[in-house]
Amino acid sequence: MKILRNPKVNAAIILLITAFYSLVFILTSGHIEFERMLNHASTLNNAFWNAWSAFLLQGDLKYIGYAYLVLAAAIVILSLIREQNYDEYQIGILEKGLIVSGIVMVCLFPAALFLVFSDPNYAIEALTLLIVIHWSAVLVADLAYVIKWGKG
């Protein structure tokens, strides 16, 4: 994938996807229709899911969106100050990271389906958690990558 040779391409892709997730998280956080769909906090006998549902119900998902924007900005800045393109070894590492990310996302679909089937009332909470976990891991891994290879 020669397109990955340029660090700015990686930054642009990460920025676009992160901007989408952040926008969705920030706009839906605290929105009355979103809160209506979540208005069943503390109905499970599970402290984790009750806490996650309360987190979403309080509109705190926007903070995850803001954190995503900060991480994406760091990735973009580090990519813009890079003086040269990635070599074949670095591209191989980036490709493997993207492939693993895609495989993890594909594996999360059955997990999400299982969670929805086990309790459809918590479908939004389950899907939101899976998206947050997946994209947070992608951002942290990409940030570590650009920090390690950022000096050229």
N, C-alpha and C. Protein backbone atom coordinates (compact mmCIF):
# COMPACT_ATOMS: atom_id res chain seq x y z
N MET A 1 0.85 -1.18 0.00
CA MET A 1 0.00 0.00 0.00
C MET A 1 0.89 1.24 0.00
N LYS A 2 1.14 1.71 -1.17
CA LYS A 2 2.03 2.87 -1.31
C LYS A 2 1.41 4.14 -0.76
N ILE A 3 0.09 4.17 -0.66
CA ILE A 3 -0.57 5.37 -0.16
C ILE A 3 -0.18 5.64 1.30
N LEU A 4 0.16 4.59 2.04
CA LEU A 4 0.54 4.75 3.45
C LEU A 4 1.96 5.27 3.63
N ARG A 5 2.69 5.38 2.55
CA ARG A 5 4.06 5.87 2.63
C ARG A 5 4.11 7.29 3.20
N ASN A 6 3.13 8.09 2.87
CA ASN A 6 3.08 9.47 3.33
C ASN A 6 2.39 9.53 4.70
N PRO A 7 3.06 10.02 5.73
CA PRO A 7 2.47 10.09 7.07
C PRO A 7 1.20 10.95 7.13
N LYS A 8 1.09 11.88 6.22
CA LYS A 8 -0.07 12.77 6.23
C LYS A 8 -1.35 12.03 5.81
N VAL A 9 -1.21 10.99 5.01
CA VAL A 9 -2.37 10.18 4.61
C VAL A 9 -2.92 9.45 5.83
N ASN A 10 -2.03 8.84 6.61
CA ASN A 10 -2.45 8.18 7.84
C ASN A 10 -3.16 9.17 8.76
N ALA A 11 -2.60 10.35 8.92
CA ALA A 11 -3.20 11.37 9.78
C ALA A 11 -4.57 11.79 9.27
N ALA A 12 -4.71 11.94 7.95
CA ALA A 12 -5.98 12.37 7.37
C ALA A 12 -7.07 11.31 7.60
N ILE A 13 -6.72 10.04 7.41
CA ILE A 13 -7.70 8.97 7.62
C ILE A 13 -8.13 8.92 9.08
N ILE A 14 -7.17 8.95 9.98
CA ILE A 14 -7.48 8.93 11.41
C ILE A 14 -8.33 10.14 11.78
N LEU A 15 -7.98 11.31 11.26
CA LEU A 15 -8.72 12.53 11.58
C LEU A 15 -10.16 12.46 11.08
N LEU A 16 -10.38 11.96 9.88
CA LEU A 16 -11.74 11.88 9.34
C LEU A 16 -12.63 10.96 10.16
N ILE A 17 -12.13 9.78 10.47
CA ILE A 17 -12.94 8.83 11.24
C ILE A 17 -13.15 9.35 12.66
N THR A 18 -12.11 9.91 13.25
CA THR A 18 -12.23 10.45 14.60
C THR A 18 -13.20 11.63 14.64
N ALA A 19 -13.15 12.47 13.64
CA ALA A 19 -14.08 13.61 13.59
C ALA A 19 -15.52 13.12 13.52
N PHE A 20 -15.76 12.06 12.76
CA PHE A 20 -17.11 11.50 12.68
C PHE A 20 -17.56 10.98 14.04
N TYR A 21 -16.75 10.13 14.67
CA TYR A 21 -17.12 9.59 15.98
C TYR A 21 -17.30 10.71 17.00
N SER A 22 -16.38 11.66 17.02
CA SER A 22 -16.46 12.76 17.98
C SER A 22 -17.72 13.58 17.77
N LEU A 23 -18.04 13.87 16.53
CA LEU A 23 -19.24 14.64 16.23
C LEU A 23 -20.49 13.90 16.71
N VAL A 24 -20.55 12.61 16.43
CA VAL A 24 -21.70 11.82 16.88
C VAL A 24 -21.77 11.81 18.40
N PHE A 25 -20.64 11.58 19.06
CA PHE A 25 -20.64 11.52 20.53
C PHE A 25 -21.02 12.86 21.14
N ILE A 26 -20.49 13.94 20.61
CA ILE A 26 -20.75 15.27 21.18
C ILE A 26 -22.19 15.70 20.93
N LEU A 27 -22.69 15.45 19.72
CA LEU A 27 -24.06 15.88 19.40
C LEU A 27 -25.12 15.06 20.09
N THR A 28 -24.89 13.76 20.25
CA THR A 28 -25.91 12.93 20.89
C THR A 28 -25.85 13.03 22.41
N SER A 29 -24.70 13.39 22.94
CA SER A 29 -24.54 13.49 24.38
C SER A 29 -25.46 14.57 24.95
N GLY A 30 -26.34 14.16 25.81
CA GLY A 30 -27.27 15.11 26.41
C GLY A 30 -28.48 15.42 25.55
N HIS A 31 -28.58 14.83 24.37
CA HIS A 31 -29.73 15.06 23.50
C HIS A 31 -30.94 14.31 24.07
N ILE A 32 -32.08 14.97 24.07
CA ILE A 32 -33.25 14.41 24.73
C ILE A 32 -33.71 13.09 24.12
N GLU A 33 -33.62 12.94 22.81
CA GLU A 33 -34.02 11.68 22.18
C GLU A 33 -33.07 10.55 22.56
N PHE A 34 -31.79 10.85 22.62
CA PHE A 34 -30.81 9.85 23.03
C PHE A 34 -31.05 9.46 24.48
N GLU A 35 -31.30 10.43 25.34
CA GLU A 35 -31.56 10.14 26.75
C GLU A 35 -32.83 9.31 26.92
N ARG A 36 -33.83 9.55 26.09
CA ARG A 36 -35.07 8.78 26.17
C ARG A 36 -34.82 7.30 25.88
N MET A 37 -33.92 7.05 24.94
CA MET A 37 -33.62 5.66 24.61
C MET A 37 -32.81 4.97 25.72
N LEU A 38 -32.20 5.76 26.58
CA LEU A 38 -31.37 5.22 27.66
C LEU A 38 -32.05 5.29 29.02
N ASN A 39 -33.26 5.70 29.08
CA ASN A 39 -33.91 5.98 30.35
C ASN A 39 -34.31 4.71 31.10
N HIS A 40 -33.32 3.88 31.40
CA HIS A 40 -33.56 2.68 32.18
C HIS A 40 -32.33 2.33 33.02
N ALA A 41 -31.68 3.36 33.53
CA ALA A 41 -30.46 3.15 34.32
C ALA A 41 -30.80 2.36 35.59
N SER A 42 -29.84 1.58 36.03
CA SER A 42 -29.92 0.78 37.26
C SER A 42 -31.03 -0.27 37.23
N THR A 43 -31.34 -0.78 36.06
CA THR A 43 -32.34 -1.85 35.98
C THR A 43 -31.70 -3.22 35.92
N LEU A 44 -30.41 -3.28 35.64
CA LEU A 44 -29.71 -4.56 35.61
C LEU A 44 -29.08 -4.84 36.97
N ASN A 45 -28.85 -6.10 37.20
CA ASN A 45 -28.15 -6.48 38.42
C ASN A 45 -26.65 -6.60 38.09
N ASN A 46 -26.12 -5.54 37.49
CA ASN A 46 -24.72 -5.52 37.07
C ASN A 46 -24.21 -4.09 37.23
N ALA A 47 -23.26 -3.93 38.12
CA ALA A 47 -22.77 -2.58 38.44
C ALA A 47 -22.11 -1.92 37.22
N PHE A 48 -21.37 -2.70 36.42
CA PHE A 48 -20.68 -2.11 35.28
C PHE A 48 -21.67 -1.53 34.29
N TRP A 49 -22.67 -2.32 33.86
CA TRP A 49 -23.62 -1.84 32.86
C TRP A 49 -24.48 -0.71 33.40
N ASN A 50 -24.80 -0.75 34.68
CA ASN A 50 -25.55 0.36 35.28
C ASN A 50 -24.72 1.64 35.29
N ALA A 51 -23.42 1.51 35.59
CA ALA A 51 -22.54 2.68 35.59
C ALA A 51 -22.36 3.22 34.17
N TRP A 52 -22.19 2.34 33.19
CA TRP A 52 -22.03 2.78 31.81
C TRP A 52 -23.30 3.46 31.31
N SER A 53 -24.44 2.90 31.66
CA SER A 53 -25.72 3.50 31.25
C SER A 53 -25.89 4.87 31.90
N ALA A 54 -25.52 4.99 33.17
CA ALA A 54 -25.61 6.29 33.85
C ALA A 54 -24.64 7.29 33.23
N PHE A 55 -23.45 6.83 32.86
CA PHE A 55 -22.46 7.68 32.20
C PHE A 55 -23.05 8.27 30.91
N LEU A 56 -23.69 7.42 30.11
CA LEU A 56 -24.30 7.88 28.87
C LEU A 56 -25.49 8.79 29.15
N LEU A 57 -26.28 8.43 30.14
CA LEU A 57 -27.48 9.20 30.47
C LEU A 57 -27.15 10.60 30.97
N GLN A 58 -26.03 10.74 31.64
CA GLN A 58 -25.61 12.05 32.16
C GLN A 58 -25.00 12.94 31.09
N GLY A 59 -24.82 12.41 29.89
CA GLY A 59 -24.27 13.21 28.80
C GLY A 59 -22.76 13.28 28.80
N ASP A 60 -22.12 12.33 29.46
CA ASP A 60 -20.66 12.36 29.57
C ASP A 60 -19.94 11.78 28.36
N LEU A 61 -20.68 11.25 27.41
CA LEU A 61 -20.06 10.70 26.20
C LEU A 61 -19.32 11.79 25.42
N LYS A 62 -19.74 13.03 25.60
CA LYS A 62 -19.07 14.13 24.89
C LYS A 62 -17.62 14.26 25.31
N TYR A 63 -17.28 13.89 26.54
CA TYR A 63 -15.89 13.97 26.99
C TYR A 63 -15.01 12.96 26.26
N ILE A 64 -15.58 11.82 25.92
CA ILE A 64 -14.84 10.86 25.11
C ILE A 64 -14.62 11.46 23.72
N GLY A 65 -15.64 12.12 23.18
CA GLY A 65 -15.50 12.79 21.88
C GLY A 65 -14.41 13.85 21.91
N TYR A 66 -14.36 14.63 22.97
CA TYR A 66 -13.31 15.66 23.08
C TYR A 66 -11.92 15.01 23.21
N ALA A 67 -11.83 13.94 23.99
CA ALA A 67 -10.55 13.25 24.13
C ALA A 67 -10.09 12.68 22.78
N TYR A 68 -11.04 12.17 22.00
CA TYR A 68 -10.71 11.68 20.66
C TYR A 68 -10.12 12.79 19.80
N LEU A 69 -10.71 13.97 19.88
CA LEU A 69 -10.21 15.10 19.09
C LEU A 69 -8.80 15.49 19.51
N VAL A 70 -8.52 15.45 20.80
CA VAL A 70 -7.18 15.77 21.29
C VAL A 70 -6.16 14.75 20.78
N LEU A 71 -6.52 13.46 20.88
CA LEU A 71 -5.61 12.41 20.40
C LEU A 71 -5.39 12.54 18.89
N ALA A 72 -6.46 12.80 18.15
CA ALA A 72 -6.33 12.96 16.69
C ALA A 72 -5.48 14.17 16.35
N ALA A 73 -5.64 15.25 17.11
CA ALA A 73 -4.81 16.45 16.87
C ALA A 73 -3.34 16.14 17.12
N ALA A 74 -3.05 15.37 18.15
CA ALA A 74 -1.65 14.99 18.42
C ALA A 74 -1.10 14.15 17.27
N ILE A 75 -1.91 13.22 16.75
CA ILE A 75 -1.47 12.39 15.63
C ILE A 75 -1.21 13.25 14.40
N VAL A 76 -2.11 14.20 14.13
CA VAL A 76 -1.94 15.07 12.96
C VAL A 76 -0.69 15.93 13.11
N ILE A 77 -0.50 16.53 14.27
CA ILE A 77 0.67 17.39 14.48
C ILE A 77 1.97 16.60 14.32
N LEU A 78 2.03 15.42 14.94
CA LEU A 78 3.24 14.61 14.81
C LEU A 78 3.47 14.16 13.37
N SER A 79 2.39 13.92 12.64
CA SER A 79 2.52 13.51 11.24
C SER A 79 2.95 14.67 10.36
N LEU A 80 2.48 15.88 10.66
CA LEU A 80 2.83 17.03 9.85
C LEU A 80 4.29 17.45 10.03
N ILE A 81 4.84 17.22 11.22
CA ILE A 81 6.23 17.62 11.44
C ILE A 81 7.22 16.56 10.98
N ARG A 82 6.70 15.41 10.58
CA ARG A 82 7.59 14.36 10.05
C ARG A 82 8.21 14.84 8.74
N GLU A 83 9.51 14.68 8.63
CA GLU A 83 10.24 15.24 7.49
C GLU A 83 10.30 14.34 6.27
N GLN A 84 10.11 13.05 6.45
CA GLN A 84 10.22 12.14 5.31
C GLN A 84 9.14 11.08 5.36
N ASN A 85 8.98 10.39 4.24
CA ASN A 85 7.99 9.33 4.15
C ASN A 85 8.43 8.11 4.94
N TYR A 86 7.47 7.24 5.24
CA TYR A 86 7.79 5.99 5.92
C TYR A 86 8.52 5.05 4.97
N ASP A 87 9.40 4.23 5.53
CA ASP A 87 10.06 3.21 4.70
C ASP A 87 9.21 1.94 4.69
N GLU A 88 9.68 0.91 3.99
CA GLU A 88 8.89 -0.32 3.82
C GLU A 88 8.62 -1.00 5.16
N TYR A 89 9.60 -0.99 6.06
CA TYR A 89 9.43 -1.61 7.37
C TYR A 89 8.32 -0.90 8.16
N GLN A 90 8.33 0.41 8.16
CA GLN A 90 7.33 1.19 8.88
C GLN A 90 5.94 1.00 8.26
N ILE A 91 5.89 0.95 6.94
CA ILE A 91 4.61 0.73 6.25
C ILE A 91 4.05 -0.64 6.62
N GLY A 92 4.93 -1.64 6.71
CA GLY A 92 4.50 -2.99 7.10
C GLY A 92 3.87 -3.00 8.48
N ILE A 93 4.47 -2.28 9.40
CA ILE A 93 3.92 -2.21 10.76
C ILE A 93 2.56 -1.51 10.73
N LEU A 94 2.45 -0.42 10.00
CA LEU A 94 1.19 0.31 9.91
C LEU A 94 0.12 -0.55 9.25
N GLU A 95 0.47 -1.26 8.19
CA GLU A 95 -0.49 -2.15 7.52
C GLU A 95 -0.98 -3.23 8.46
N LYS A 96 -0.08 -3.84 9.21
CA LYS A 96 -0.47 -4.89 10.16
C LYS A 96 -1.40 -4.32 11.23
N GLY A 97 -1.11 -3.11 11.68
CA GLY A 97 -2.00 -2.47 12.67
C GLY A 97 -3.38 -2.24 12.12
N LEU A 98 -3.47 -1.79 10.88
CA LEU A 98 -4.77 -1.56 10.25
C LEU A 98 -5.52 -2.87 10.03
N ILE A 99 -4.79 -3.91 9.65
CA ILE A 99 -5.43 -5.22 9.45
C ILE A 99 -5.95 -5.77 10.77
N VAL A 100 -5.15 -5.68 11.82
CA VAL A 100 -5.60 -6.15 13.14
C VAL A 100 -6.82 -5.35 13.60
N SER A 101 -6.80 -4.06 13.37
CA SER A 101 -7.95 -3.21 13.73
C SER A 101 -9.21 -3.66 13.00
N GLY A 102 -9.07 -3.96 11.71
CA GLY A 102 -10.21 -4.43 10.93
C GLY A 102 -10.71 -5.78 11.41
N ILE A 103 -9.80 -6.68 11.73
CA ILE A 103 -10.19 -8.01 12.22
C ILE A 103 -10.90 -7.89 13.56
N VAL A 104 -10.38 -7.04 14.43
CA VAL A 104 -11.03 -6.84 15.74
C VAL A 104 -12.44 -6.29 15.54
N MET A 105 -12.60 -5.35 14.62
CA MET A 105 -13.93 -4.79 14.37
C MET A 105 -14.88 -5.85 13.84
N VAL A 106 -14.40 -6.70 12.95
CA VAL A 106 -15.24 -7.78 12.43
C VAL A 106 -15.61 -8.75 13.55
N CYS A 107 -14.69 -9.00 14.46
CA CYS A 107 -14.98 -9.90 15.59
C CYS A 107 -15.93 -9.26 16.60
N LEU A 108 -15.95 -7.93 16.65
CA LEU A 108 -16.85 -7.26 17.58
C LEU A 108 -18.32 -7.34 17.14
N PHE A 109 -18.56 -7.52 15.85
CA PHE A 109 -19.95 -7.63 15.38
C PHE A 109 -20.69 -8.80 16.02
N PRO A 110 -20.12 -10.02 16.05
CA PRO A 110 -20.83 -11.10 16.75
C PRO A 110 -21.00 -10.83 18.24
N ALA A 111 -19.99 -10.21 18.84
CA ALA A 111 -20.10 -9.87 20.27
C ALA A 111 -21.24 -8.88 20.48
N ALA A 112 -21.35 -7.90 19.60
CA ALA A 112 -22.44 -6.93 19.70
C ALA A 112 -23.79 -7.61 19.49
N LEU A 113 -23.86 -8.52 18.54
CA LEU A 113 -25.10 -9.24 18.29
C LEU A 113 -25.49 -10.07 19.50
N PHE A 114 -24.51 -10.72 20.12
CA PHE A 114 -24.78 -11.50 21.33
C PHE A 114 -25.30 -10.61 22.45
N LEU A 115 -24.68 -9.45 22.63
CA LEU A 115 -25.12 -8.54 23.69
C LEU A 115 -26.53 -8.02 23.42
N VAL A 116 -26.84 -7.75 22.17
CA VAL A 116 -28.17 -7.27 21.83
C VAL A 116 -29.21 -8.36 22.04
N PHE A 117 -28.87 -9.59 21.65
CA PHE A 117 -29.81 -10.70 21.85
C PHE A 117 -30.00 -11.03 23.33
N SER A 118 -28.95 -10.86 24.13
CA SER A 118 -29.07 -11.18 25.55
C SER A 118 -29.93 -10.17 26.29
N ASP A 119 -29.88 -8.92 25.89
CA ASP A 119 -30.77 -7.91 26.48
C ASP A 119 -30.93 -6.76 25.50
N PRO A 120 -32.01 -6.79 24.68
CA PRO A 120 -32.20 -5.75 23.67
C PRO A 120 -32.39 -4.35 24.27
N ASN A 121 -32.78 -4.28 25.53
CA ASN A 121 -32.96 -2.97 26.16
C ASN A 121 -31.64 -2.21 26.28
N TYR A 122 -30.53 -2.94 26.29
CA TYR A 122 -29.22 -2.32 26.45
C TYR A 122 -28.41 -2.35 25.15
N ALA A 123 -29.10 -2.39 24.03
CA ALA A 123 -28.41 -2.46 22.74
C ALA A 123 -27.56 -1.21 22.49
N ILE A 124 -28.10 -0.05 22.78
CA ILE A 124 -27.36 1.19 22.53
C ILE A 124 -26.12 1.26 23.42
N GLU A 125 -26.28 0.90 24.67
CA GLU A 125 -25.14 0.92 25.59
C GLU A 125 -24.06 -0.05 25.13
N ALA A 126 -24.46 -1.26 24.71
CA ALA A 126 -23.49 -2.27 24.29
C ALA A 126 -22.75 -1.83 23.03
N LEU A 127 -23.49 -1.36 22.05
CA LEU A 127 -22.85 -0.93 20.80
C LEU A 127 -21.95 0.28 21.03
N THR A 128 -22.40 1.21 21.84
CA THR A 128 -21.58 2.38 22.14
C THR A 128 -20.28 1.98 22.84
N LEU A 129 -20.38 1.06 23.78
CA LEU A 129 -19.18 0.60 24.49
C LEU A 129 -18.20 -0.07 23.53
N LEU A 130 -18.70 -0.91 22.65
CA LEU A 130 -17.82 -1.59 21.70
C LEU A 130 -17.13 -0.59 20.77
N ILE A 131 -17.86 0.41 20.31
CA ILE A 131 -17.27 1.43 19.45
C ILE A 131 -16.21 2.23 20.21
N VAL A 132 -16.52 2.61 21.43
CA VAL A 132 -15.57 3.39 22.24
C VAL A 132 -14.29 2.58 22.48
N ILE A 133 -14.43 1.32 22.83
CA ILE A 133 -13.25 0.48 23.09
C ILE A 133 -12.42 0.34 21.82
N HIS A 134 -13.08 0.03 20.72
CA HIS A 134 -12.36 -0.19 19.47
C HIS A 134 -11.63 1.07 19.01
N TRP A 135 -12.32 2.18 18.91
CA TRP A 135 -11.67 3.38 18.37
C TRP A 135 -10.65 3.96 19.34
N SER A 136 -10.86 3.81 20.64
CA SER A 136 -9.85 4.25 21.60
C SER A 136 -8.56 3.46 21.41
N ALA A 137 -8.68 2.15 21.20
CA ALA A 137 -7.50 1.33 20.98
C ALA A 137 -6.78 1.72 19.69
N VAL A 138 -7.55 2.01 18.65
CA VAL A 138 -6.96 2.42 17.37
C VAL A 138 -6.20 3.74 17.55
N LEU A 139 -6.81 4.70 18.23
CA LEU A 139 -6.16 6.00 18.42
C LEU A 139 -4.89 5.90 19.25
N VAL A 140 -4.95 5.14 20.33
CA VAL A 140 -3.77 5.01 21.19
C VAL A 140 -2.65 4.29 20.43
N ALA A 141 -3.00 3.24 19.69
CA ALA A 141 -1.99 2.51 18.93
C ALA A 141 -1.38 3.39 17.84
N ASP A 142 -2.21 4.16 17.16
CA ASP A 142 -1.69 5.04 16.11
C ASP A 142 -0.84 6.15 16.70
N LEU A 143 -1.24 6.68 17.84
CA LEU A 143 -0.44 7.71 18.50
C LEU A 143 0.92 7.15 18.90
N ALA A 144 0.93 5.94 19.45
CA ALA A 144 2.20 5.31 19.81
C ALA A 144 3.06 5.10 18.57
N TYR A 145 2.42 4.74 17.47
CA TYR A 145 3.15 4.53 16.22
C TYR A 145 3.79 5.83 15.73
N VAL A 146 3.03 6.91 15.69
CA VAL A 146 3.61 8.16 15.18
C VAL A 146 4.63 8.75 16.15
N ILE A 147 4.50 8.46 17.44
CA ILE A 147 5.53 8.93 18.38
C ILE A 147 6.82 8.14 18.14
N LYS A 148 6.70 6.85 17.97
CA LYS A 148 7.90 6.02 17.75
C LYS A 148 8.59 6.35 16.43
N TRP A 149 7.82 6.52 15.37
CA TRP A 149 8.40 6.74 14.06
C TRP A 149 8.35 8.20 13.62
N GLY A 150 7.95 9.09 14.50
CA GLY A 150 7.75 10.48 14.14
C GLY A 150 9.01 11.28 13.83
N LYS A 151 10.14 10.82 14.28
CA LYS A 151 11.36 11.61 14.09
C LYS A 151 12.00 11.43 12.72
N GLY A 152 11.54 10.38 12.02
CA GLY A 152 12.08 10.15 10.67
C GLY A 152 13.44 9.66 10.77
